[in-house]
Amino acid sequence: GEPSQPITLETLPAEVSVVRSGAASNENERMIAMPLRDAR
């Protein structure tokens, strides 16, 4: 993007993404198995 545009979470390149993504898929699987109240 243009240098004048801020870097947002969506535009973070995958190579430098610092969100804790390693356990994200496992977390999603765990939450899918929960009732809505427990997941919230």
PDB file of all heavy atoms in Angstrom:
ATOM      1  N   GLY A   1       0.816  -1.210   0.000  1.00  0.00           N
ATOM      2  CA  GLY A   1       0.000   0.000   0.000  1.00  0.00           C
ATOM      3  C   GLY A   1       0.847   1.256   0.000  1.00  0.00           C
ATOM      4  O   GLY A   1       2.085   1.214   0.074  1.00  0.00           O
ATOM      5  N   GLU A   2       0.171   2.397  -0.071  1.00  0.00           N
ATOM      6  CA  GLU A   2       0.848   3.681  -0.078  1.00  0.00           C
ATOM      7  C   GLU A   2       1.470   3.977   1.282  1.00  0.00           C
ATOM      8  O   GLU A   2       0.885   3.644   2.320  1.00  0.00           O
ATOM      9  CB  GLU A   2      -0.130   4.799  -0.436  1.00  0.00           C
ATOM     10  CG  GLU A   2      -0.663   4.733  -1.855  1.00  0.00           C
ATOM     11  CD  GLU A   2       0.446   4.938  -2.875  1.00  0.00           C
ATOM     12  OE1 GLU A   2       1.342   5.763  -2.604  1.00  0.00           O
ATOM     13  OE2 GLU A   2       0.420   4.278  -3.931  1.00  0.00           O
ATOM     14  N   PRO A   3       2.676   4.609   1.282  1.00  0.00           N
ATOM     15  CA  PRO A   3       3.305   4.937   2.571  1.00  0.00           C
ATOM     16  C   PRO A   3       2.436   5.800   3.469  1.00  0.00           C
ATOM     17  O   PRO A   3       2.584   5.794   4.684  1.00  0.00           O
ATOM     18  CB  PRO A   3       4.588   5.670   2.163  1.00  0.00           C
ATOM     19  CG  PRO A   3       4.883   5.165   0.789  1.00  0.00           C
ATOM     20  CD  PRO A   3       3.544   4.937   0.143  1.00  0.00           C
ATOM     21  N   SER A   4       1.517   6.565   2.862  1.00  0.00           N
ATOM     22  CA  SER A   4       0.655   7.441   3.664  1.00  0.00           C
ATOM     23  C   SER A   4      -0.445   6.673   4.383  1.00  0.00           C
ATOM     24  O   SER A   4      -1.072   7.186   5.309  1.00  0.00           O
ATOM     25  CB  SER A   4       0.022   8.509   2.768  1.00  0.00           C
ATOM     26  OG  SER A   4      -0.744   7.906   1.731  1.00  0.00           O
ATOM     27  N   GLN A   5      -0.707   5.436   3.928  1.00  0.00           N
ATOM     28  CA  GLN A   5      -1.754   4.632   4.546  1.00  0.00           C
ATOM     29  C   GLN A   5      -1.211   3.905   5.773  1.00  0.00           C
ATOM     30  O   GLN A   5      -0.111   3.335   5.732  1.00  0.00           O
ATOM     31  CB  GLN A   5      -2.304   3.609   3.555  1.00  0.00           C
ATOM     32  CG  GLN A   5      -2.997   4.219   2.347  1.00  0.00           C
ATOM     33  CD  GLN A   5      -3.454   3.153   1.367  1.00  0.00           C
ATOM     34  OE1 GLN A   5      -2.973   2.026   1.384  1.00  0.00           O
ATOM     35  NE2 GLN A   5      -4.382   3.520   0.496  1.00  0.00           N
ATOM     36  N   PRO A   6      -1.957   3.876   6.883  1.00  0.00           N
ATOM     37  CA  PRO A   6      -1.488   3.167   8.071  1.00  0.00           C
ATOM     38  C   PRO A   6      -1.492   1.656   7.862  1.00  0.00           C
ATOM     39  O   PRO A   6      -2.272   1.134   7.059  1.00  0.00           O
ATOM     40  CB  PRO A   6      -2.490   3.576   9.152  1.00  0.00           C
ATOM     41  CG  PRO A   6      -3.724   3.955   8.404  1.00  0.00           C
ATOM     42  CD  PRO A   6      -3.260   4.540   7.115  1.00  0.00           C
ATOM     43  N   ILE A   7      -0.606   1.004   8.560  1.00  0.00           N
ATOM     44  CA  ILE A   7      -0.563  -0.460   8.543  1.00  0.00           C
ATOM     45  C   ILE A   7      -1.611  -0.960   9.522  1.00  0.00           C
ATOM     46  O   ILE A   7      -1.571  -0.641  10.708  1.00  0.00           O
ATOM     47  CB  ILE A   7       0.837  -0.970   8.923  1.00  0.00           C
ATOM     48  CG1 ILE A   7       1.859  -0.549   7.860  1.00  0.00           C
ATOM     49  CG2 ILE A   7       0.849  -2.479   9.086  1.00  0.00           C
ATOM     50  CD1 ILE A   7       3.295  -0.844   8.235  1.00  0.00           C
ATOM     51  N   THR A   8      -2.564  -1.733   9.003  1.00  0.00           N
ATOM     52  CA  THR A   8      -3.636  -2.260   9.846  1.00  0.00           C
ATOM     53  C   THR A   8      -3.437  -3.747  10.055  1.00  0.00           C
ATOM     54  O   THR A   8      -2.573  -4.376   9.430  1.00  0.00           O
ATOM     55  CB  THR A   8      -5.009  -2.018   9.201  1.00  0.00           C
ATOM     56  OG1 THR A   8      -5.067  -2.744   7.962  1.00  0.00           O
ATOM     57  CG2 THR A   8      -5.230  -0.533   8.940  1.00  0.00           C
ATOM     58  N   LEU A   9      -4.256  -4.303  10.915  1.00  0.00           N
ATOM     59  CA  LEU A   9      -4.160  -5.737  11.202  1.00  0.00           C
ATOM     60  C   LEU A   9      -4.373  -6.555   9.933  1.00  0.00           C
ATOM     61  O   LEU A   9      -3.689  -7.559   9.706  1.00  0.00           O
ATOM     62  CB  LEU A   9      -5.202  -6.121  12.262  1.00  0.00           C
ATOM     63  CG  LEU A   9      -5.129  -7.540  12.827  1.00  0.00           C
ATOM     64  CD1 LEU A   9      -3.794  -7.783  13.513  1.00  0.00           C
ATOM     65  CD2 LEU A   9      -6.270  -7.776  13.806  1.00  0.00           C
ATOM     66  N   GLU A  10      -5.303  -6.088   9.073  1.00  0.00           N
ATOM     67  CA  GLU A  10      -5.583  -6.834   7.843  1.00  0.00           C
ATOM     68  C   GLU A  10      -4.440  -6.757   6.841  1.00  0.00           C
ATOM     69  O   GLU A  10      -4.246  -7.664   6.038  1.00  0.00           O
ATOM     70  CB  GLU A  10      -6.867  -6.293   7.177  1.00  0.00           C
ATOM     71  CG  GLU A  10      -8.152  -6.608   7.911  1.00  0.00           C
ATOM     72  CD  GLU A  10      -8.345  -5.754   9.146  1.00  0.00           C
ATOM     73  OE1 GLU A  10      -7.666  -4.695   9.247  1.00  0.00           O
ATOM     74  OE2 GLU A  10      -9.139  -6.131  10.034  1.00  0.00           O
ATOM     75  N   THR A  11      -3.698  -5.643   6.862  1.00  0.00           N
ATOM     76  CA  THR A  11      -2.615  -5.469   5.884  1.00  0.00           C
ATOM     77  C   THR A  11      -1.263  -5.934   6.401  1.00  0.00           C
ATOM     78  O   THR A  11      -0.267  -5.791   5.703  1.00  0.00           O
ATOM     79  CB  THR A  11      -2.503  -3.997   5.458  1.00  0.00           C
ATOM     80  OG1 THR A  11      -2.252  -3.184   6.622  1.00  0.00           O
ATOM     81  CG2 THR A  11      -3.776  -3.522   4.777  1.00  0.00           C
ATOM     82  N   LEU A  12      -1.238  -6.476   7.598  1.00  0.00           N
ATOM     83  CA  LEU A  12       0.033  -7.022   8.087  1.00  0.00           C
ATOM     84  C   LEU A  12       0.446  -8.191   7.207  1.00  0.00           C
ATOM     85  O   LEU A  12      -0.329  -9.139   7.030  1.00  0.00           O
ATOM     86  CB  LEU A  12      -0.114  -7.529   9.527  1.00  0.00           C
ATOM     87  CG  LEU A  12      -0.044  -6.522  10.664  1.00  0.00           C
ATOM     88  CD1 LEU A  12      -0.289  -7.230  11.996  1.00  0.00           C
ATOM     89  CD2 LEU A  12       1.294  -5.830  10.708  1.00  0.00           C
ATOM     90  N   PRO A  13       1.635  -8.154   6.605  1.00  0.00           N
ATOM     91  CA  PRO A  13       2.091  -9.295   5.805  1.00  0.00           C
ATOM     92  C   PRO A  13       2.189 -10.546   6.664  1.00  0.00           C
ATOM     93  O   PRO A  13       2.495 -10.486   7.855  1.00  0.00           O
ATOM     94  CB  PRO A  13       3.478  -8.857   5.320  1.00  0.00           C
ATOM     95  CG  PRO A  13       3.479  -7.377   5.455  1.00  0.00           C
ATOM     96  CD  PRO A  13       2.613  -7.063   6.617  1.00  0.00           C
ATOM     97  N   ALA A  14       1.911 -11.701   6.051  1.00  0.00           N
ATOM     98  CA  ALA A  14       1.947 -12.959   6.796  1.00  0.00           C
ATOM     99  C   ALA A  14       3.312 -13.205   7.417  1.00  0.00           C
ATOM    100  O   ALA A  14       3.421 -13.752   8.505  1.00  0.00           O
ATOM    101  CB  ALA A  14       1.574 -14.116   5.867  1.00  0.00           C
ATOM    102  N   GLU A  15       4.376 -12.749   6.706  1.00  0.00           N
ATOM    103  CA  GLU A  15       5.728 -12.997   7.192  1.00  0.00           C
ATOM    104  C   GLU A  15       6.027 -12.264   8.500  1.00  0.00           C
ATOM    105  O   GLU A  15       6.900 -12.668   9.270  1.00  0.00           O
ATOM    106  CB  GLU A  15       6.768 -12.568   6.153  1.00  0.00           C
ATOM    107  CG  GLU A  15       6.754 -13.405   4.886  1.00  0.00           C
ATOM    108  CD  GLU A  15       5.734 -12.894   3.874  1.00  0.00           C
ATOM    109  OE1 GLU A  15       4.923 -12.029   4.256  1.00  0.00           O
ATOM    110  OE2 GLU A  15       5.737 -13.367   2.730  1.00  0.00           O
ATOM    111  N   VAL A  16       5.306 -11.171   8.731  1.00  0.00           N
ATOM    112  CA  VAL A  16       5.590 -10.384   9.931  1.00  0.00           C
ATOM    113  C   VAL A  16       4.401 -10.344  10.869  1.00  0.00           C
ATOM    114  O   VAL A  16       4.364  -9.554  11.801  1.00  0.00           O
ATOM    115  CB  VAL A  16       6.011  -8.946   9.577  1.00  0.00           C
ATOM    116  CG1 VAL A  16       7.309  -8.949   8.805  1.00  0.00           C
ATOM    117  CG2 VAL A  16       4.917  -8.238   8.797  1.00  0.00           C
ATOM    118  N   SER A  17       3.399 -11.163  10.627  1.00  0.00           N
ATOM    119  CA  SER A  17       2.238 -11.189  11.511  1.00  0.00           C
ATOM    120  C   SER A  17       2.673 -11.632  12.890  1.00  0.00           C
ATOM    121  O   SER A  17       3.350 -12.642  13.063  1.00  0.00           O
ATOM    122  CB  SER A  17       1.176 -12.158  10.983  1.00  0.00           C
ATOM    123  OG  SER A  17       0.081 -12.199  11.872  1.00  0.00           O
ATOM    124  N   VAL A  18       2.318 -10.861  13.886  1.00  0.00           N
ATOM    125  CA  VAL A  18       2.748 -11.161  15.247  1.00  0.00           C
ATOM    126  C   VAL A  18       1.579 -11.559  16.134  1.00  0.00           C
ATOM    127  O   VAL A  18       1.705 -11.665  17.339  1.00  0.00           O
ATOM    128  CB  VAL A  18       3.464  -9.949  15.882  1.00  0.00           C
ATOM    129  CG1 VAL A  18       4.781  -9.710  15.200  1.00  0.00           C
ATOM    130  CG2 VAL A  18       2.593  -8.699  15.808  1.00  0.00           C
ATOM    131  N   VAL A  19       0.398 -11.775  15.511  1.00  0.00           N
ATOM    132  CA  VAL A  19      -0.730 -12.277  16.296  1.00  0.00           C
ATOM    133  C   VAL A  19      -0.451 -13.720  16.655  1.00  0.00           C
ATOM    134  O   VAL A  19       0.137 -14.468  15.879  1.00  0.00           O
ATOM    135  CB  VAL A  19      -2.032 -12.182  15.473  1.00  0.00           C
ATOM    136  CG1 VAL A  19      -3.220 -12.658  16.301  1.00  0.00           C
ATOM    137  CG2 VAL A  19      -2.251 -10.756  15.000  1.00  0.00           C
ATOM    138  N   ARG A  20      -0.880 -14.149  17.809  1.00  0.00           N
ATOM    139  CA  ARG A  20      -0.613 -15.513  18.244  1.00  0.00           C
ATOM    140  C   ARG A  20      -1.444 -16.478  17.411  1.00  0.00           C
ATOM    141  O   ARG A  20      -2.486 -16.966  17.830  1.00  0.00           O
ATOM    142  CB  ARG A  20      -0.918 -15.665  19.735  1.00  0.00           C
ATOM    143  CG  ARG A  20       0.146 -15.062  20.623  1.00  0.00           C
ATOM    144  CD  ARG A  20      -0.205 -15.151  22.079  1.00  0.00           C
ATOM    145  NE  ARG A  20      -1.080 -14.063  22.456  1.00  0.00           N
ATOM    146  CZ  ARG A  20      -1.339 -13.705  23.713  1.00  0.00           C
ATOM    147  NH1 ARG A  20      -0.790 -14.357  24.705  1.00  0.00           N
ATOM    148  NH2 ARG A  20      -2.147 -12.710  23.999  1.00  0.00           N
ATOM    149  N   SER A  21      -0.954 -16.728  16.183  1.00  0.00           N
ATOM    150  CA  SER A  21      -1.726 -17.526  15.233  1.00  0.00           C
ATOM    151  C   SER A  21      -1.436 -19.008  15.326  1.00  0.00           C
ATOM    152  O   SER A  21      -2.189 -19.811  14.801  1.00  0.00           O
ATOM    153  CB  SER A  21      -1.432 -17.042  13.805  1.00  0.00           C
ATOM    154  OG  SER A  21      -0.048 -17.135  13.542  1.00  0.00           O
ATOM    155  N   GLY A  22      -0.362 -19.378  16.000  1.00  0.00           N
ATOM    156  CA  GLY A  22       0.009 -20.793  16.050  1.00  0.00           C
ATOM    157  C   GLY A  22      -1.066 -21.655  16.654  1.00  0.00           C
ATOM    158  O   GLY A  22      -1.319 -22.777  16.207  1.00  0.00           O
ATOM    159  N   ALA A  23      -1.747 -21.150  17.671  1.00  0.00           N
ATOM    160  CA  ALA A  23      -2.758 -21.950  18.355  1.00  0.00           C
ATOM    161  C   ALA A  23      -4.161 -21.565  17.905  1.00  0.00           C
ATOM    162  O   ALA A  23      -5.151 -22.060  18.449  1.00  0.00           O
ATOM    163  CB  ALA A  23      -2.629 -21.759  19.861  1.00  0.00           C
ATOM    164  N   ALA A  24      -4.280 -20.677  16.869  1.00  0.00           N
ATOM    165  CA  ALA A  24      -5.593 -20.173  16.482  1.00  0.00           C
ATOM    166  C   ALA A  24      -6.517 -21.290  16.015  1.00  0.00           C
ATOM    167  O   ALA A  24      -7.694 -21.343  16.395  1.00  0.00           O
ATOM    168  CB  ALA A  24      -5.436 -19.125  15.391  1.00  0.00           C
ATOM    169  N   SER A  25      -6.008 -22.181  15.144  1.00  0.00           N
ATOM    170  CA  SER A  25      -6.866 -23.239  14.624  1.00  0.00           C
ATOM    171  C   SER A  25      -7.326 -24.168  15.729  1.00  0.00           C
ATOM    172  O   SER A  25      -8.489 -24.590  15.766  1.00  0.00           O
ATOM    173  CB  SER A  25      -6.116 -24.026  13.539  1.00  0.00           C
ATOM    174  OG  SER A  25      -4.929 -24.581  14.085  1.00  0.00           O
ATOM    175  N   ASN A  26      -6.436 -24.479  16.668  1.00  0.00           N
ATOM    176  CA  ASN A  26      -6.822 -25.331  17.791  1.00  0.00           C
ATOM    177  C   ASN A  26      -7.879 -24.652  18.659  1.00  0.00           C
ATOM    178  O   ASN A  26      -8.814 -25.299  19.153  1.00  0.00           O
ATOM    179  CB  ASN A  26      -5.603 -25.667  18.648  1.00  0.00           C
ATOM    180  CG  ASN A  26      -4.635 -26.580  17.924  1.00  0.00           C
ATOM    181  OD1 ASN A  26      -5.032 -27.310  17.017  1.00  0.00           O
ATOM    182  ND2 ASN A  26      -3.366 -26.534  18.309  1.00  0.00           N
ATOM    183  N   GLU A  27      -7.722 -23.324  18.859  1.00  0.00           N
ATOM    184  CA  GLU A  27      -8.696 -22.584  19.653  1.00  0.00           C
ATOM    185  C   GLU A  27     -10.064 -22.614  18.974  1.00  0.00           C
ATOM    186  O   GLU A  27     -11.096 -22.763  19.635  1.00  0.00           O
ATOM    187  CB  GLU A  27      -8.230 -21.138  19.835  1.00  0.00           C
ATOM    188  CG  GLU A  27      -7.153 -20.959  20.891  1.00  0.00           C
ATOM    189  CD  GLU A  27      -7.659 -21.360  22.273  1.00  0.00           C
ATOM    190  OE1 GLU A  27      -8.698 -20.845  22.719  1.00  0.00           O
ATOM    191  OE2 GLU A  27      -7.019 -22.233  22.888  1.00  0.00           O
ATOM    192  N   ASN A  28     -10.072 -22.452  17.639  1.00  0.00           N
ATOM    193  CA  ASN A  28     -11.343 -22.484  16.922  1.00  0.00           C
ATOM    194  C   ASN A  28     -12.039 -23.828  17.086  1.00  0.00           C
ATOM    195  O   ASN A  28     -13.248 -23.900  17.287  1.00  0.00           O
ATOM    196  CB  ASN A  28     -11.119 -22.198  15.431  1.00  0.00           C
ATOM    197  CG  ASN A  28     -10.775 -20.737  15.192  1.00  0.00           C
ATOM    198  OD1 ASN A  28     -11.070 -19.891  16.026  1.00  0.00           O
ATOM    199  ND2 ASN A  28     -10.142 -20.453  14.055  1.00  0.00           N
ATOM    200  N   GLU A  29     -11.257 -24.893  16.978  1.00  0.00           N
ATOM    201  CA  GLU A  29     -11.833 -26.227  17.142  1.00  0.00           C
ATOM    202  C   GLU A  29     -12.408 -26.413  18.539  1.00  0.00           C
ATOM    203  O   GLU A  29     -13.483 -27.003  18.716  1.00  0.00           O
ATOM    204  CB  GLU A  29     -10.760 -27.284  16.864  1.00  0.00           C
ATOM    205  CG  GLU A  29     -10.338 -27.341  15.394  1.00  0.00           C
ATOM    206  CD  GLU A  29      -9.176 -28.292  15.179  1.00  0.00           C
ATOM    207  OE1 GLU A  29      -8.746 -28.928  16.164  1.00  0.00           O
ATOM    208  OE2 GLU A  29      -8.701 -28.385  14.037  1.00  0.00           O
ATOM    209  N   ARG A  30     -11.691 -25.905  19.555  1.00  0.00           N
ATOM    210  CA  ARG A  30     -12.180 -26.031  20.922  1.00  0.00           C
ATOM    211  C   ARG A  30     -13.480 -25.259  21.107  1.00  0.00           C
ATOM    212  O   ARG A  30     -14.423 -25.729  21.738  1.00  0.00           O
ATOM    213  CB  ARG A  30     -11.131 -25.501  21.900  1.00  0.00           C
ATOM    214  CG  ARG A  30      -9.928 -26.426  22.100  1.00  0.00           C
ATOM    215  CD  ARG A  30      -8.962 -25.819  23.086  1.00  0.00           C
ATOM    216  NE  ARG A  30      -9.631 -25.564  24.373  1.00  0.00           N
ATOM    217  CZ  ARG A  30      -9.154 -24.713  25.277  1.00  0.00           C
ATOM    218  NH1 ARG A  30      -8.052 -24.029  25.033  1.00  0.00           N
ATOM    219  NH2 ARG A  30      -9.793 -24.545  26.420  1.00  0.00           N
ATOM    220  N   MET A  31     -13.521 -24.027  20.552  1.00  0.00           N
ATOM    221  CA  MET A  31     -14.707 -23.196  20.737  1.00  0.00           C
ATOM    222  C   MET A  31     -15.915 -23.740  19.979  1.00  0.00           C
ATOM    223  O   MET A  31     -17.057 -23.617  20.439  1.00  0.00           O
ATOM    224  CB  MET A  31     -14.410 -21.759  20.307  1.00  0.00           C
ATOM    225  CG  MET A  31     -13.446 -21.037  21.240  1.00  0.00           C
ATOM    226  SD  MET A  31     -13.170 -19.308  20.799  1.00  0.00           S
ATOM    227  CE  MET A  31     -14.770 -18.604  21.177  1.00  0.00           C
ATOM    228  N   ILE A  32     -15.685 -24.344  18.815  1.00  0.00           N
ATOM    229  CA  ILE A  32     -16.791 -24.934  18.053  1.00  0.00           C
ATOM    230  C   ILE A  32     -17.471 -26.030  18.854  1.00  0.00           C
ATOM    231  O   ILE A  32     -18.689 -26.243  18.765  1.00  0.00           O
ATOM    232  CB  ILE A  32     -16.273 -25.472  16.698  1.00  0.00           C
ATOM    233  CG1 ILE A  32     -15.942 -24.292  15.771  1.00  0.00           C
ATOM    234  CG2 ILE A  32     -17.287 -26.391  16.033  1.00  0.00           C
ATOM    235  CD1 ILE A  32     -15.251 -24.686  14.493  1.00  0.00           C
ATOM    236  N   ALA A  33     -16.689 -26.718  19.678  1.00  0.00           N
ATOM    237  CA  ALA A  33     -17.243 -27.823  20.468  1.00  0.00           C
ATOM    238  C   ALA A  33     -17.950 -27.350  21.729  1.00  0.00           C
ATOM    239  O   ALA A  33     -18.532 -28.157  22.455  1.00  0.00           O
ATOM    240  CB  ALA A  33     -16.119 -28.799  20.841  1.00  0.00           C
ATOM    241  N   MET A  34     -17.930 -26.013  22.014  1.00  0.00           N
ATOM    242  CA  MET A  34     -18.542 -25.496  23.236  1.00  0.00           C
ATOM    243  C   MET A  34     -19.961 -24.997  22.972  1.00  0.00           C
ATOM    244  O   MET A  34     -20.261 -24.499  21.885  1.00  0.00           O
ATOM    245  CB  MET A  34     -17.724 -24.304  23.770  1.00  0.00           C
ATOM    246  CG  MET A  34     -16.338 -24.626  24.246  1.00  0.00           C
ATOM    247  SD  MET A  34     -15.518 -23.092  24.804  1.00  0.00           S
ATOM    248  CE  MET A  34     -13.870 -23.716  25.145  1.00  0.00           C
ATOM    249  N   PRO A  35     -20.803 -25.034  24.004  1.00  0.00           N
ATOM    250  CA  PRO A  35     -22.082 -24.331  23.916  1.00  0.00           C
ATOM    251  C   PRO A  35     -21.817 -22.822  23.816  1.00  0.00           C
ATOM    252  O   PRO A  35     -20.757 -22.339  24.225  1.00  0.00           O
ATOM    253  CB  PRO A  35     -22.787 -24.680  25.241  1.00  0.00           C
ATOM    254  CG  PRO A  35     -22.096 -25.902  25.733  1.00  0.00           C
ATOM    255  CD  PRO A  35     -20.685 -25.808  25.237  1.00  0.00           C
ATOM    256  N   LEU A  36     -22.785 -22.053  23.296  1.00  0.00           N
ATOM    257  CA  LEU A  36     -22.609 -20.622  23.077  1.00  0.00           C
ATOM    258  C   LEU A  36     -22.204 -19.900  24.357  1.00  0.00           C
ATOM    259  O   LEU A  36     -21.303 -19.046  24.345  1.00  0.00           O
ATOM    260  CB  LEU A  36     -23.905 -20.011  22.521  1.00  0.00           C
ATOM    261  CG  LEU A  36     -23.902 -18.490  22.329  1.00  0.00           C
ATOM    262  CD1 LEU A  36     -22.809 -18.076  21.357  1.00  0.00           C
ATOM    263  CD2 LEU A  36     -25.269 -18.012  21.855  1.00  0.00           C
ATOM    264  N   ARG A  37     -22.837 -20.231  25.471  1.00  0.00           N
ATOM    265  CA  ARG A  37     -22.544 -19.542  26.739  1.00  0.00           C
ATOM    266  C   ARG A  37     -21.093 -19.751  27.157  1.00  0.00           C
ATOM    267  O   ARG A  37     -20.410 -18.810  27.562  1.00  0.00           O
ATOM    268  CB  ARG A  37     -23.508 -20.071  27.807  1.00  0.00           C
ATOM    269  CG  ARG A  37     -23.396 -19.356  29.136  1.00  0.00           C
ATOM    270  CD  ARG A  37     -24.481 -19.842  30.058  1.00  0.00           C
ATOM    271  NE  ARG A  37     -24.468 -19.135  31.318  1.00  0.00           N
ATOM    272  CZ  ARG A  37     -25.358 -19.333  32.290  1.00  0.00           C
ATOM    273  NH1 ARG A  37     -26.352 -20.205  32.113  1.00  0.00           N
ATOM    274  NH2 ARG A  37     -25.274 -18.649  33.410  1.00  0.00           N
ATOM    275  N   ASP A  38     -20.628 -21.003  27.044  1.00  0.00           N
ATOM    276  CA  ASP A  38     -19.244 -21.300  27.427  1.00  0.00           C
ATOM    277  C   ASP A  38     -18.250 -20.640  26.463  1.00  0.00           C
ATOM    278  O   ASP A  38     -17.191 -20.142  26.877  1.00  0.00           O
ATOM    279  CB  ASP A  38     -19.006 -22.814  27.443  1.00  0.00           C
ATOM    280  CG  ASP A  38     -19.771 -23.516  28.556  1.00  0.00           C
ATOM    281  OD1 ASP A  38     -20.242 -22.805  29.475  1.00  0.00           O
ATOM    282  OD2 ASP A  38     -19.901 -24.749  28.506  1.00  0.00           O
ATOM    283  N   ALA A  39     -18.606 -20.637  25.167  1.00  0.00           N
ATOM    284  CA  ALA A  39     -17.708 -20.028  24.178  1.00  0.00           C
ATOM    285  C   ALA A  39     -17.593 -18.525  24.417  1.00  0.00           C
ATOM    286  O   ALA A  39     -16.515 -17.941  24.303  1.00  0.00           O
ATOM    287  CB  ALA A  39     -18.225 -20.298  22.764  1.00  0.00           C
ATOM    288  N   ARG A  40     -18.743 -17.872  24.761  1.00  0.00           N
ATOM    289  CA  ARG A  40     -18.714 -16.439  25.030  1.00  0.00           C
ATOM    290  C   ARG A  40     -17.826 -16.139  26.239  1.00  0.00           C
ATOM    291  O   ARG A  40     -17.021 -15.211  26.227  1.00  0.00           O
ATOM    292  CB  ARG A  40     -20.125 -15.924  25.280  1.00  0.00           C
ATOM    293  CG  ARG A  40     -20.167 -14.404  25.492  1.00  0.00           C
ATOM    294  CD  ARG A  40     -21.543 -13.931  25.922  1.00  0.00           C
ATOM    295  NE  ARG A  40     -22.536 -14.185  24.893  1.00  0.00           N
ATOM    296  CZ  ARG A  40     -23.619 -14.958  25.063  1.00  0.00           C
ATOM    297  NH1 ARG A  40     -23.824 -15.560  26.225  1.00  0.00           N
ATOM    298  NH2 ARG A  40     -24.489 -15.116  24.088  1.00  0.00           N
TER     299      ARG A  40
END
